[in-house]
Amino acid sequence: MDILIDGENDGKCLREFLLLDVGVSISMLKRLKFMPDGILIDGRHVTVRHILRDGETLSIKTEDDEPSENIVPSNIEVSVVWEDGEVAVLDKPPFMPTHPSHGHFVDTLANALCYRYRNEKSPFVFRPINRLDRNTSGLVLVARTRMAAARLSHSMKNGNIKKEYVAVLSGTLPSTEGEIDTYIKRETESIITRTVCAEGDGGDRAITKYKVLFSDGKHTVVSAVPVTGRTHQLRLHFAHLGAAIVGDDMYGKESEDISRHALHAIRLSFEHPKTKENTVLYAPIPEDMRALICRIFSAEQRDEVFAAIGKYQENLYE
């Protein structure tokens, strides 16, 4: 990344300029300091104590030298919702893990992107900003450069990246809209399942905002915004209210109408790490959830459900 220093930044300390104006994180700054070509002024190495002058060219090494370990390219089709040199946003299908793990070495979103970017100049490094469970479908935000990753991670930490989900629940909720505020911890002797617990019982606070889109008294279609990002938060929160997500075999029960939990990340908004523009993206409901809605609701009801869901497509760049 090359930045031409103008009169407005003349006299600024390089360290403060990188942290406050460019948006470099402290951890990234530490890495850059010890790289021979990490921080250059007019092609020469300088320390972060350098005082900037009008007309200088600041070069920051945001490219990667080494690829992510243990990610092999796999020719897997994946739906790209947004893509440029800084970020990629994918509509992850159900049953696809986000990143490799035991038993899933070549069938993940990371493998698909490694194949897609195999001919790029820089080595492929997988930097997902948000992650979805294997059986959850929808939008995943991936940073394509170190700088983008630093800025987006900072945005995520500060709650400036908004993720919105649609879920089909078995049962009803106590109100048409509300907030679920609990504490969540790992189940004793389990590395996977979580449970709601009391404050001070070793859990982390978890907050979810929800709004009912439609309910027939037996099933409910709901939109949900996780204010915090705890593992299995939405699945556990709705089960805690007595309305588990349909098909959730961990916190509810299996369904004959869908072979996974009916949860989809439908909408994502974030500040683009380079342009600073507010970017709002949408991923349509996948076929298995559409089929589920058609099975459990009448024709008139399903029209109302799809109309409510369809509103997410309106005014995306408001």
C-alpha atoms as a PDB file:
ATOM      1  CA  MET A   1       0.000   0.000   0.000  1.00  0.00           C
ATOM      2  CA  ASP A   2       1.404   3.385  -1.043  1.00  0.00           C
ATOM      3  CA  ILE A   3       0.228   6.647   0.532  1.00  0.00           C
ATOM      4  CA  LEU A   4       1.265  10.086  -0.733  1.00  0.00           C
ATOM      5  CA  ILE A   5       1.776  12.391   2.245  1.00  0.00           C
ATOM      6  CA  ASP A   6       0.091  15.768   1.734  1.00  0.00           C
ATOM      7  CA  GLY A   7       0.375  19.092   3.527  1.00  0.00           C
ATOM      8  CA  GLU A   8      -2.366  18.163   5.985  1.00  0.00           C
ATOM      9  CA  ASN A   9      -0.200  15.364   7.397  1.00  0.00           C
ATOM     10  CA  ASP A  10       3.137  17.204   7.181  1.00  0.00           C
ATOM     11  CA  GLY A  11       4.840  17.133  10.599  1.00  0.00           C
ATOM     12  CA  LYS A  12       2.910  14.160  11.972  1.00  0.00           C
ATOM     13  CA  CYS A  13       4.736  11.322  13.717  1.00  0.00           C
ATOM     14  CA  LEU A  14       4.637   8.197  11.548  1.00  0.00           C
ATOM     15  CA  ARG A  15       3.519   5.961  14.443  1.00  0.00           C
ATOM     16  CA  GLU A  16       0.475   8.099  15.251  1.00  0.00           C
ATOM     17  CA  PHE A  17      -0.348   8.504  11.556  1.00  0.00           C
ATOM     18  CA  LEU A  18      -0.357   4.730  11.048  1.00  0.00           C
ATOM     19  CA  LEU A  19      -2.473   4.043  14.128  1.00  0.00           C
ATOM     20  CA  LEU A  20      -4.927   6.932  13.961  1.00  0.00           C
ATOM     21  CA  ASP A  21      -5.194   7.871  10.281  1.00  0.00           C
ATOM     22  CA  VAL A  22      -4.377   4.693   8.370  1.00  0.00           C
ATOM     23  CA  GLY A  23      -6.033   2.341  10.863  1.00  0.00           C
ATOM     24  CA  VAL A  24      -3.126  -0.039  11.426  1.00  0.00           C
ATOM     25  CA  SER A  25      -3.625  -2.135  14.564  1.00  0.00           C
ATOM     26  CA  ILE A  26      -0.971  -2.234  17.272  1.00  0.00           C
ATOM     27  CA  SER A  27      -0.266  -5.915  16.571  1.00  0.00           C
ATOM     28  CA  MET A  28       0.151  -5.239  12.851  1.00  0.00           C
ATOM     29  CA  LEU A  29       2.396  -2.264  13.584  1.00  0.00           C
ATOM     30  CA  LYS A  30       4.654  -4.498  15.681  1.00  0.00           C
ATOM     31  CA  ARG A  31       4.995  -6.946  12.776  1.00  0.00           C
ATOM     32  CA  LEU A  32       5.692  -4.202  10.257  1.00  0.00           C
ATOM     33  CA  LYS A  33       8.435  -2.670  12.427  1.00  0.00           C
ATOM     34  CA  PHE A  34      10.564  -5.804  12.205  1.00  0.00           C
ATOM     35  CA  MET A  35      10.110  -6.418   8.483  1.00  0.00           C
ATOM     36  CA  PRO A  36      12.895  -4.991   6.244  1.00  0.00           C
ATOM     37  CA  ASP A  37      10.311  -3.656   3.794  1.00  0.00           C
ATOM     38  CA  GLY A  38       7.453  -3.308   6.258  1.00  0.00           C
ATOM     39  CA  ILE A  39       7.479   0.501   6.451  1.00  0.00           C
ATOM     40  CA  LEU A  40       9.277   2.554   3.801  1.00  0.00           C
ATOM     41  CA  ILE A  41       9.507   6.267   3.070  1.00  0.00           C
ATOM     42  CA  ASP A  42      10.475   6.983  -0.533  1.00  0.00           C
ATOM     43  CA  GLY A  43      11.835   3.435  -0.749  1.00  0.00           C
ATOM     44  CA  ARG A  44      14.018   3.533   2.368  1.00  0.00           C
ATOM     45  CA  HIS A  45      13.420   1.855   5.717  1.00  0.00           C
ATOM     46  CA  VAL A  46      12.445   4.215   8.546  1.00  0.00           C
ATOM     47  CA  THR A  47      11.446   3.848  12.187  1.00  0.00           C
ATOM     48  CA  VAL A  48       7.988   4.712  13.446  1.00  0.00           C
ATOM     49  CA  ARG A  49       9.497   7.847  15.033  1.00  0.00           C
ATOM     50  CA  HIS A  50       9.946   9.359  11.568  1.00  0.00           C
ATOM     51  CA  ILE A  51       8.309  12.779  11.074  1.00  0.00           C
ATOM     52  CA  LEU A  52       6.271  12.870   7.880  1.00  0.00           C
ATOM     53  CA  ARG A  53       6.905  15.534   5.248  1.00  0.00           C
ATOM     54  CA  ASP A  54       4.694  16.825   2.445  1.00  0.00           C
ATOM     55  CA  GLY A  55       5.407  14.962  -0.809  1.00  0.00           C
ATOM     56  CA  GLU A  56       6.855  11.795   0.739  1.00  0.00           C
ATOM     57  CA  THR A  57       5.536   8.394  -0.314  1.00  0.00           C
ATOM     58  CA  LEU A  58       4.788   6.022   2.538  1.00  0.00           C
ATOM     59  CA  SER A  59       4.799   2.326   1.596  1.00  0.00           C
ATOM     60  CA  ILE A  60       3.286  -0.291   3.934  1.00  0.00           C
ATOM     61  CA  LYS A  61       3.664  -4.006   3.244  1.00  0.00           C
ATOM     62  CA  THR A  62       0.139  -5.343   3.362  1.00  0.00           C
ATOM     63  CA  GLU A  63       0.815  -8.276   1.039  1.00  0.00           C
ATOM     64  CA  ASP A  64       1.423 -11.758   2.418  1.00  0.00           C
ATOM     65  CA  ASP A  65       4.642 -13.720   2.028  1.00  0.00           C
ATOM     66  CA  GLU A  66       3.377 -17.122   3.171  1.00  0.00           C
ATOM     67  CA  PRO A  67       0.032 -18.824   2.529  1.00  0.00           C
ATOM     68  CA  SER A  68      -2.225 -20.215   5.258  1.00  0.00           C
ATOM     69  CA  GLU A  69      -0.980 -23.592   6.429  1.00  0.00           C
ATOM     70  CA  ASN A  70      -2.905 -26.807   5.728  1.00  0.00           C
ATOM     71  CA  ILE A  71      -5.373 -25.237   3.268  1.00  0.00           C
ATOM     72  CA  VAL A  72      -5.348 -26.964  -0.096  1.00  0.00           C
ATOM     73  CA  PRO A  73      -7.210 -25.601  -3.112  1.00  0.00           C
ATOM     74  CA  SER A  74     -10.443 -27.445  -3.906  1.00  0.00           C
ATOM     75  CA  ASN A  75     -12.567 -26.769  -6.969  1.00  0.00           C
ATOM     76  CA  ILE A  76     -15.797 -26.172  -5.061  1.00  0.00           C
ATOM     77  CA  GLU A  77     -18.481 -23.850  -6.387  1.00  0.00           C
ATOM     78  CA  VAL A  78     -19.240 -20.978  -4.020  1.00  0.00           C
ATOM     79  CA  SER A  79     -21.569 -18.003  -4.448  1.00  0.00           C
ATOM     80  CA  VAL A  80     -19.694 -14.680  -4.371  1.00  0.00           C
ATOM     81  CA  VAL A  81     -21.921 -11.798  -3.259  1.00  0.00           C
ATOM     82  CA  TRP A  82     -19.211  -9.113  -3.211  1.00  0.00           C
ATOM     83  CA  GLU A  83     -15.554  -9.174  -4.180  1.00  0.00           C
ATOM     84  CA  ASP A  84     -12.744  -6.666  -4.607  1.00  0.00           C
ATOM     85  CA  GLY A  85      -9.077  -6.449  -3.684  1.00  0.00           C
ATOM     86  CA  GLU A  86      -9.838  -5.872  -0.005  1.00  0.00           C
ATOM     87  CA  VAL A  87     -12.772  -8.107   0.902  1.00  0.00           C
ATOM     88  CA  ALA A  88     -14.875 -10.997  -0.304  1.00  0.00           C
ATOM     89  CA  VAL A  89     -18.375 -11.796   0.912  1.00  0.00           C
ATOM     90  CA  LEU A  90     -19.645 -15.308   0.233  1.00  0.00           C
ATOM     91  CA  ASP A  91     -23.064 -16.897   0.525  1.00  0.00           C
ATOM     92  CA  LYS A  92     -22.000 -20.089   2.294  1.00  0.00           C
ATOM     93  CA  PRO A  93     -24.275 -23.042   1.583  1.00  0.00           C
ATOM     94  CA  PRO A  94     -25.452 -25.324   4.389  1.00  0.00           C
ATOM     95  CA  PHE A  95     -23.294 -28.339   5.270  1.00  0.00           C
ATOM     96  CA  MET A  96     -20.073 -26.535   4.324  1.00  0.00           C
ATOM     97  CA  PRO A  97     -17.623 -25.803   7.178  1.00  0.00           C
ATOM     98  CA  THR A  98     -16.040 -22.360   7.183  1.00  0.00           C
ATOM     99  CA  HIS A  99     -12.480 -23.577   7.772  1.00  0.00           C
ATOM    100  CA  PRO A 100     -10.660 -26.951   7.825  1.00  0.00           C
ATOM    101  CA  SER A 101     -10.922 -29.140  10.915  1.00  0.00           C
ATOM    102  CA  HIS A 102     -10.788 -32.822  11.783  1.00  0.00           C
ATOM    103  CA  GLY A 103     -12.655 -34.720   9.077  1.00  0.00           C
ATOM    104  CA  HIS A 104     -13.012 -31.631   6.889  1.00  0.00           C
ATOM    105  CA  PHE A 105      -9.715 -30.923   5.148  1.00  0.00           C
ATOM    106  CA  VAL A 106     -10.809 -30.253   1.557  1.00  0.00           C
ATOM    107  CA  ASP A 107     -14.530 -29.380   1.628  1.00  0.00           C
ATOM    108  CA  THR A 108     -14.573 -25.993   3.362  1.00  0.00           C
ATOM    109  CA  LEU A 109     -15.108 -22.380   2.377  1.00  0.00           C
ATOM    110  CA  ALA A 110     -11.386 -21.833   2.922  1.00  0.00           C
ATOM    111  CA  ASN A 111     -10.535 -24.576   0.397  1.00  0.00           C
ATOM    112  CA  ALA A 112     -12.920 -23.058  -2.156  1.00  0.00           C
ATOM    113  CA  LEU A 113     -11.359 -19.608  -1.810  1.00  0.00           C
ATOM    114  CA  CYS A 114      -7.849 -21.034  -1.916  1.00  0.00           C
ATOM    115  CA  TYR A 115      -8.733 -22.498  -5.337  1.00  0.00           C
ATOM    116  CA  ARG A 116     -10.423 -19.282  -6.492  1.00  0.00           C
ATOM    117  CA  TYR A 117      -7.396 -17.139  -5.645  1.00  0.00           C
ATOM    118  CA  ARG A 118      -4.739 -19.686  -6.571  1.00  0.00           C
ATOM    119  CA  ASN A 119      -3.348 -17.503  -9.379  1.00  0.00           C
ATOM    120  CA  GLU A 120      -3.148 -14.255  -7.427  1.00  0.00           C
ATOM    121  CA  LYS A 121       0.242 -12.582  -6.983  1.00  0.00           C
ATOM    122  CA  SER A 122       0.125 -12.789  -3.184  1.00  0.00           C
ATOM    123  CA  PRO A 123      -0.113 -16.132  -1.335  1.00  0.00           C
ATOM    124  CA  PHE A 124      -3.619 -17.022  -0.151  1.00  0.00           C
ATOM    125  CA  VAL A 125      -4.298 -16.379   3.529  1.00  0.00           C
ATOM    126  CA  PHE A 126      -7.768 -17.192   4.858  1.00  0.00           C
ATOM    127  CA  ARG A 127      -9.007 -14.411   7.145  1.00  0.00           C
ATOM    128  CA  PRO A 128     -12.721 -14.837   7.938  1.00  0.00           C
ATOM    129  CA  ILE A 129     -14.101 -11.928   9.956  1.00  0.00           C
ATOM    130  CA  ASN A 130     -17.238 -13.810  10.946  1.00  0.00           C
ATOM    131  CA  ARG A 131     -17.801 -17.559  11.037  1.00  0.00           C
ATOM    132  CA  LEU A 132     -20.899 -19.690  10.614  1.00  0.00           C
ATOM    133  CA  ASP A 133     -21.614 -23.168  11.940  1.00  0.00           C
ATOM    134  CA  ARG A 134     -21.292 -25.894   9.336  1.00  0.00           C
ATOM    135  CA  ASN A 135     -25.080 -26.211   8.994  1.00  0.00           C
ATOM    136  CA  THR A 136     -25.832 -22.483   9.104  1.00  0.00           C
ATOM    137  CA  SER A 137     -26.064 -20.873   5.673  1.00  0.00           C
ATOM    138  CA  GLY A 138     -25.514 -17.301   4.589  1.00  0.00           C
ATOM    139  CA  LEU A 139     -23.082 -14.424   4.484  1.00  0.00           C
ATOM    140  CA  VAL A 140     -19.442 -14.764   5.502  1.00  0.00           C
ATOM    141  CA  LEU A 141     -17.102 -11.755   5.372  1.00  0.00           C
ATOM    142  CA  VAL A 142     -13.472 -12.490   4.481  1.00  0.00           C
ATOM    143  CA  ALA A 143     -10.589 -10.002   4.485  1.00  0.00           C
ATOM    144  CA  ARG A 144      -8.179 -10.357   1.573  1.00  0.00           C
ATOM    145  CA  THR A 145      -5.330  -8.254   2.972  1.00  0.00           C
ATOM    146  CA  ARG A 146      -3.718  -7.797   6.353  1.00  0.00           C
ATOM    147  CA  MET A 147      -4.827  -4.174   6.450  1.00  0.00           C
ATOM    148  CA  ALA A 148      -8.439  -5.055   5.677  1.00  0.00           C
ATOM    149  CA  ALA A 149      -8.348  -7.768   8.339  1.00  0.00           C
ATOM    150  CA  ALA A 150      -7.049  -5.336  10.962  1.00  0.00           C
ATOM    151  CA  ARG A 151      -9.683  -2.723  10.179  1.00  0.00           C
ATOM    152  CA  LEU A 152     -12.590  -5.164   9.942  1.00  0.00           C
ATOM    153  CA  SER A 153     -11.559  -6.986  13.119  1.00  0.00           C
ATOM    154  CA  HIS A 154     -11.506  -3.622  14.885  1.00  0.00           C
ATOM    155  CA  SER A 155     -14.990  -2.887  13.527  1.00  0.00           C
ATOM    156  CA  MET A 156     -16.233  -6.274  14.675  1.00  0.00           C
ATOM    157  CA  LYS A 157     -14.792  -5.779  18.159  1.00  0.00           C
ATOM    158  CA  ASN A 158     -16.532  -2.398  18.427  1.00  0.00           C
ATOM    159  CA  GLY A 159     -19.873  -3.790  17.258  1.00  0.00           C
ATOM    160  CA  ASN A 160     -19.863  -1.897  13.965  1.00  0.00           C
ATOM    161  CA  ILE A 161     -20.457  -4.938  11.765  1.00  0.00           C
ATOM    162  CA  LYS A 162     -24.136  -5.878  11.828  1.00  0.00           C
ATOM    163  CA  LYS A 163     -25.247  -9.422  11.071  1.00  0.00           C
ATOM    164  CA  GLU A 164     -28.904 -10.300  10.671  1.00  0.00           C
ATOM    165  CA  TYR A 165     -30.345 -13.804  10.516  1.00  0.00           C
ATOM    166  CA  VAL A 166     -33.658 -15.414   9.646  1.00  0.00           C
ATOM    167  CA  ALA A 167     -34.696 -18.551  11.504  1.00  0.00           C
ATOM    168  CA  VAL A 168     -37.739 -20.823  11.551  1.00  0.00           C
ATOM    169  CA  LEU A 169     -38.673 -21.792  15.107  1.00  0.00           C
ATOM    170  CA  SER A 170     -40.717 -24.607  16.546  1.00  0.00           C
ATOM    171  CA  GLY A 171     -43.109 -22.777  18.869  1.00  0.00           C
ATOM    172  CA  THR A 172     -43.782 -19.145  19.684  1.00  0.00           C
ATOM    173  CA  LEU A 173     -41.947 -16.306  21.393  1.00  0.00           C
ATOM    174  CA  PRO A 174     -43.154 -14.246  24.363  1.00  0.00           C
ATOM    175  CA  SER A 175     -43.500 -11.040  22.325  1.00  0.00           C
ATOM    176  CA  THR A 176     -43.422  -9.835  18.724  1.00  0.00           C
ATOM    177  CA  GLU A 177     -40.018  -8.280  19.305  1.00  0.00           C
ATOM    178  CA  GLY A 178     -37.593  -8.221  22.163  1.00  0.00           C
ATOM    179  CA  GLU A 179     -34.126  -8.789  23.539  1.00  0.00           C
ATOM    180  CA  ILE A 180     -32.692 -11.969  25.005  1.00  0.00           C
ATOM    181  CA  ASP A 181     -30.022 -11.214  27.616  1.00  0.00           C
ATOM    182  CA  THR A 182     -28.361 -14.197  29.311  1.00  0.00           C
ATOM    183  CA  TYR A 183     -24.983 -15.689  30.129  1.00  0.00           C
ATOM    184  CA  ILE A 184     -23.639 -18.632  28.138  1.00  0.00           C
ATOM    185  CA  LYS A 185     -20.936 -21.118  29.064  1.00  0.00           C
ATOM    186  CA  ARG A 186     -19.580 -24.399  27.763  1.00  0.00           C
ATOM    187  CA  GLU A 187     -21.378 -27.512  28.979  1.00  0.00           C
ATOM    188  CA  THR A 188     -19.413 -29.427  31.588  1.00  0.00           C
ATOM    189  CA  GLU A 189     -17.139 -32.025  29.944  1.00  0.00           C
ATOM    190  CA  SER A 190     -18.144 -30.908  26.443  1.00  0.00           C
ATOM    191  CA  ILE A 191     -16.104 -29.055  23.829  1.00  0.00           C
ATOM    192  CA  ILE A 192     -19.117 -28.375  21.602  1.00  0.00           C
ATOM    193  CA  THR A 193     -22.396 -27.720  23.407  1.00  0.00           C
ATOM    194  CA  ARG A 194     -23.171 -24.589  25.388  1.00  0.00           C
ATOM    195  CA  THR A 195     -25.720 -23.819  28.076  1.00  0.00           C
ATOM    196  CA  VAL A 196     -27.397 -20.771  29.597  1.00  0.00           C
ATOM    197  CA  CYS A 197     -26.107 -20.020  33.084  1.00  0.00           C
ATOM    198  CA  ALA A 198     -26.455 -17.457  35.838  1.00  0.00           C
ATOM    199  CA  GLU A 199     -24.273 -14.361  36.044  1.00  0.00           C
ATOM    200  CA  GLY A 200     -21.053 -15.199  37.844  1.00  0.00           C
ATOM    201  CA  ASP A 201     -21.271 -18.879  36.963  1.00  0.00           C
ATOM    202  CA  GLY A 202     -18.388 -18.798  34.505  1.00  0.00           C
ATOM    203  CA  GLY A 203     -20.277 -17.696  31.407  1.00  0.00           C
ATOM    204  CA  ASP A 204     -20.060 -14.772  29.005  1.00  0.00           C
ATOM    205  CA  ARG A 205     -22.889 -12.317  28.541  1.00  0.00           C
ATOM    206  CA  ALA A 206     -24.901 -12.937  25.372  1.00  0.00           C
ATOM    207  CA  ILE A 207     -27.464 -10.536  23.893  1.00  0.00           C
ATOM    208  CA  THR A 208     -29.788 -11.177  20.947  1.00  0.00           C
ATOM    209  CA  LYS A 209     -32.406  -8.831  19.506  1.00  0.00           C
ATOM    210  CA  TYR A 210     -35.279 -10.405  17.604  1.00  0.00           C
ATOM    211  CA  LYS A 211     -38.419  -9.534  15.682  1.00  0.00           C
ATOM    212  CA  VAL A 212     -41.211 -11.927  14.711  1.00  0.00           C
ATOM    213  CA  LEU A 213     -41.914 -11.878  10.967  1.00  0.00           C
ATOM    214  CA  PHE A 214     -44.782 -14.390  11.080  1.00  0.00           C
ATOM    215  CA  SER A 215     -46.289 -16.961  13.443  1.00  0.00           C
ATOM    216  CA  ASP A 216     -49.226 -19.345  13.150  1.00  0.00           C
ATOM    217  CA  GLY A 217     -49.103 -20.391  16.802  1.00  0.00           C
ATOM    218  CA  LYS A 218     -47.098 -23.528  16.020  1.00  0.00           C
ATOM    219  CA  HIS A 219     -44.133 -22.197  14.094  1.00  0.00           C
ATOM    220  CA  THR A 220     -42.499 -18.782  14.040  1.00  0.00           C
ATOM    221  CA  VAL A 221     -40.323 -17.081  11.432  1.00  0.00           C
ATOM    222  CA  VAL A 222     -38.052 -14.583  13.133  1.00  0.00           C
ATOM    223  CA  SER A 223     -35.281 -12.139  12.287  1.00  0.00           C
ATOM    224  CA  ALA A 224     -32.450 -11.968  14.801  1.00  0.00           C
ATOM    225  CA  VAL A 225     -29.460  -9.733  15.393  1.00  0.00           C
ATOM    226  CA  PRO A 226     -26.745 -11.116  17.681  1.00  0.00           C
ATOM    227  CA  VAL A 227     -25.370  -8.113  19.581  1.00  0.00           C
ATOM    228  CA  THR A 228     -22.655 -10.373  20.972  1.00  0.00           C
ATOM    229  CA  GLY A 229     -21.050 -13.297  19.149  1.00  0.00           C
ATOM    230  CA  ARG A 230     -21.057 -16.337  21.420  1.00  0.00           C
ATOM    231  CA  THR A 231     -20.822 -19.869  20.057  1.00  0.00           C
ATOM    232  CA  HIS A 232     -24.294 -21.241  19.202  1.00  0.00           C
ATOM    233  CA  GLN A 233     -25.821 -18.040  20.609  1.00  0.00           C
ATOM    234  CA  LEU A 234     -28.947 -17.836  18.441  1.00  0.00           C
ATOM    235  CA  ARG A 235     -29.623 -21.552  18.591  1.00  0.00           C
ATOM    236  CA  LEU A 236     -29.295 -21.609  22.363  1.00  0.00           C
ATOM    237  CA  HIS A 237     -31.199 -18.384  22.972  1.00  0.00           C
ATOM    238  CA  PHE A 238     -34.310 -19.456  21.079  1.00  0.00           C
ATOM    239  CA  ALA A 239     -34.233 -22.897  22.682  1.00  0.00           C
ATOM    240  CA  HIS A 240     -33.968 -21.138  26.056  1.00  0.00           C
ATOM    241  CA  LEU A 241     -37.265 -19.370  25.289  1.00  0.00           C
ATOM    242  CA  GLY A 242     -38.907 -22.697  24.445  1.00  0.00           C
ATOM    243  CA  ALA A 243     -38.875 -22.193  20.675  1.00  0.00           C
ATOM    244  CA  ALA A 244     -35.856 -24.073  19.334  1.00  0.00           C
ATOM    245  CA  ILE A 245     -34.848 -23.618  15.717  1.00  0.00           C
ATOM    246  CA  VAL A 246     -36.519 -26.240  13.518  1.00  0.00           C
ATOM    247  CA  GLY A 247     -34.112 -29.101  12.760  1.00  0.00           C
ATOM    248  CA  ASP A 248     -31.650 -28.216  15.532  1.00  0.00           C
ATOM    249  CA  ASP A 249     -30.687 -31.666  16.800  1.00  0.00           C
ATOM    250  CA  MET A 250     -28.425 -30.194  19.503  1.00  0.00           C
ATOM    251  CA  TYR A 251     -30.743 -27.768  21.295  1.00  0.00           C
ATOM    252  CA  GLY A 252     -34.078 -28.941  19.926  1.00  0.00           C
ATOM    253  CA  LYS A 253     -34.887 -31.994  17.821  1.00  0.00           C
ATOM    254  CA  GLU A 254     -34.483 -33.307  14.295  1.00  0.00           C
ATOM    255  CA  SER A 255     -37.099 -32.479  11.688  1.00  0.00           C
ATOM    256  CA  GLU A 256     -38.575 -34.518   8.858  1.00  0.00           C
ATOM    257  CA  ASP A 257     -38.943 -31.312   6.850  1.00  0.00           C
ATOM    258  CA  ILE A 258     -35.313 -30.115   6.818  1.00  0.00           C
ATOM    259  CA  SER A 259     -32.025 -31.929   7.384  1.00  0.00           C
ATOM    260  CA  ARG A 260     -30.291 -29.152   9.353  1.00  0.00           C
ATOM    261  CA  HIS A 261     -31.203 -26.279  11.660  1.00  0.00           C
ATOM    262  CA  ALA A 262     -33.191 -23.633   9.766  1.00  0.00           C
ATOM    263  CA  LEU A 263     -30.889 -20.663  10.319  1.00  0.00           C
ATOM    264  CA  HIS A 264     -29.615 -18.320   7.600  1.00  0.00           C
ATOM    265  CA  ALA A 265     -27.376 -15.219   7.763  1.00  0.00           C
ATOM    266  CA  ILE A 266     -29.440 -13.060   5.436  1.00  0.00           C
ATOM    267  CA  ARG A 267     -27.994  -9.567   5.759  1.00  0.00           C
ATOM    268  CA  LEU A 268     -24.596  -8.064   6.530  1.00  0.00           C
ATOM    269  CA  SER A 269     -23.536  -4.440   6.859  1.00  0.00           C
ATOM    270  CA  PHE A 270     -20.025  -3.108   7.384  1.00  0.00           C
ATOM    271  CA  GLU A 271     -17.800  -0.137   6.638  1.00  0.00           C
ATOM    272  CA  HIS A 272     -15.578  -0.992   3.699  1.00  0.00           C
ATOM    273  CA  PRO A 273     -11.982  -1.059   5.011  1.00  0.00           C
ATOM    274  CA  LYS A 274     -10.625   1.031   2.133  1.00  0.00           C
ATOM    275  CA  THR A 275     -13.409   3.247   0.785  1.00  0.00           C
ATOM    276  CA  LYS A 276     -15.093   3.728   4.218  1.00  0.00           C
ATOM    277  CA  GLU A 277     -18.458   3.374   2.497  1.00  0.00           C
ATOM    278  CA  ASN A 278     -21.264   1.603   4.331  1.00  0.00           C
ATOM    279  CA  THR A 279     -21.763  -1.692   2.494  1.00  0.00           C
ATOM    280  CA  VAL A 280     -24.996  -3.655   2.934  1.00  0.00           C
ATOM    281  CA  LEU A 281     -25.358  -7.104   1.383  1.00  0.00           C
ATOM    282  CA  TYR A 282     -28.104  -9.720   1.174  1.00  0.00           C
ATOM    283  CA  ALA A 283     -28.214 -13.487   0.649  1.00  0.00           C
ATOM    284  CA  PRO A 284     -31.553 -15.010  -0.400  1.00  0.00           C
ATOM    285  CA  ILE A 285     -33.154 -17.773   1.640  1.00  0.00           C
ATOM    286  CA  PRO A 286     -31.757 -21.141   0.452  1.00  0.00           C
ATOM    287  CA  GLU A 287     -33.959 -23.757  -1.161  1.00  0.00           C
ATOM    288  CA  ASP A 288     -34.170 -26.089   1.846  1.00  0.00           C
ATOM    289  CA  MET A 289     -35.535 -23.308   4.060  1.00  0.00           C
ATOM    290  CA  ARG A 290     -37.957 -22.197   1.333  1.00  0.00           C
ATOM    291  CA  ALA A 291     -39.173 -25.779   1.050  1.00  0.00           C
ATOM    292  CA  LEU A 292     -39.572 -25.972   4.838  1.00  0.00           C
ATOM    293  CA  ILE A 293     -41.706 -22.822   4.873  1.00  0.00           C
ATOM    294  CA  CYS A 294     -43.868 -24.226   2.076  1.00  0.00           C
ATOM    295  CA  ARG A 295     -44.404 -27.468   4.011  1.00  0.00           C
ATOM    296  CA  ILE A 296     -45.339 -26.048   7.407  1.00  0.00           C
ATOM    297  CA  PHE A 297     -47.468 -23.047   6.342  1.00  0.00           C
ATOM    298  CA  SER A 298     -50.555 -22.741   4.139  1.00  0.00           C
ATOM    299  CA  ALA A 299     -50.290 -21.109   0.734  1.00  0.00           C
ATOM    300  CA  GLU A 300     -51.675 -17.813   2.050  1.00  0.00           C
ATOM    301  CA  GLN A 301     -49.386 -17.879   5.060  1.00  0.00           C
ATOM    302  CA  ARG A 302     -46.259 -18.679   3.072  1.00  0.00           C
ATOM    303  CA  ASP A 303     -46.923 -15.700   0.787  1.00  0.00           C
ATOM    304  CA  GLU A 304     -46.949 -13.495   3.866  1.00  0.00           C
ATOM    305  CA  VAL A 305     -43.718 -15.089   5.134  1.00  0.00           C
ATOM    306  CA  PHE A 306     -41.872 -14.626   1.849  1.00  0.00           C
ATOM    307  CA  ALA A 307     -43.123 -11.040   1.566  1.00  0.00           C
ATOM    308  CA  ALA A 308     -41.750 -10.272   5.031  1.00  0.00           C
ATOM    309  CA  ILE A 309     -38.415 -11.892   4.206  1.00  0.00           C
ATOM    310  CA  GLY A 310     -38.292 -10.125   0.849  1.00  0.00           C
ATOM    311  CA  LYS A 311     -38.153  -6.745   2.566  1.00  0.00           C
ATOM    312  CA  TYR A 312     -34.496  -7.429   3.346  1.00  0.00           C
ATOM    313  CA  GLN A 313     -33.745  -6.895  -0.340  1.00  0.00           C
ATOM    314  CA  GLU A 314     -35.172  -3.383  -0.313  1.00  0.00           C
ATOM    315  CA  ASN A 315     -33.013  -0.296   0.170  1.00  0.00           C
ATOM    316  CA  LEU A 316     -29.785  -2.246   0.651  1.00  0.00           C
ATOM    317  CA  TYR A 317     -27.676   0.853   0.158  1.00  0.00           C
ATOM    318  CA  GLU A 318     -29.757   3.165   2.340  1.00  0.00           C
END
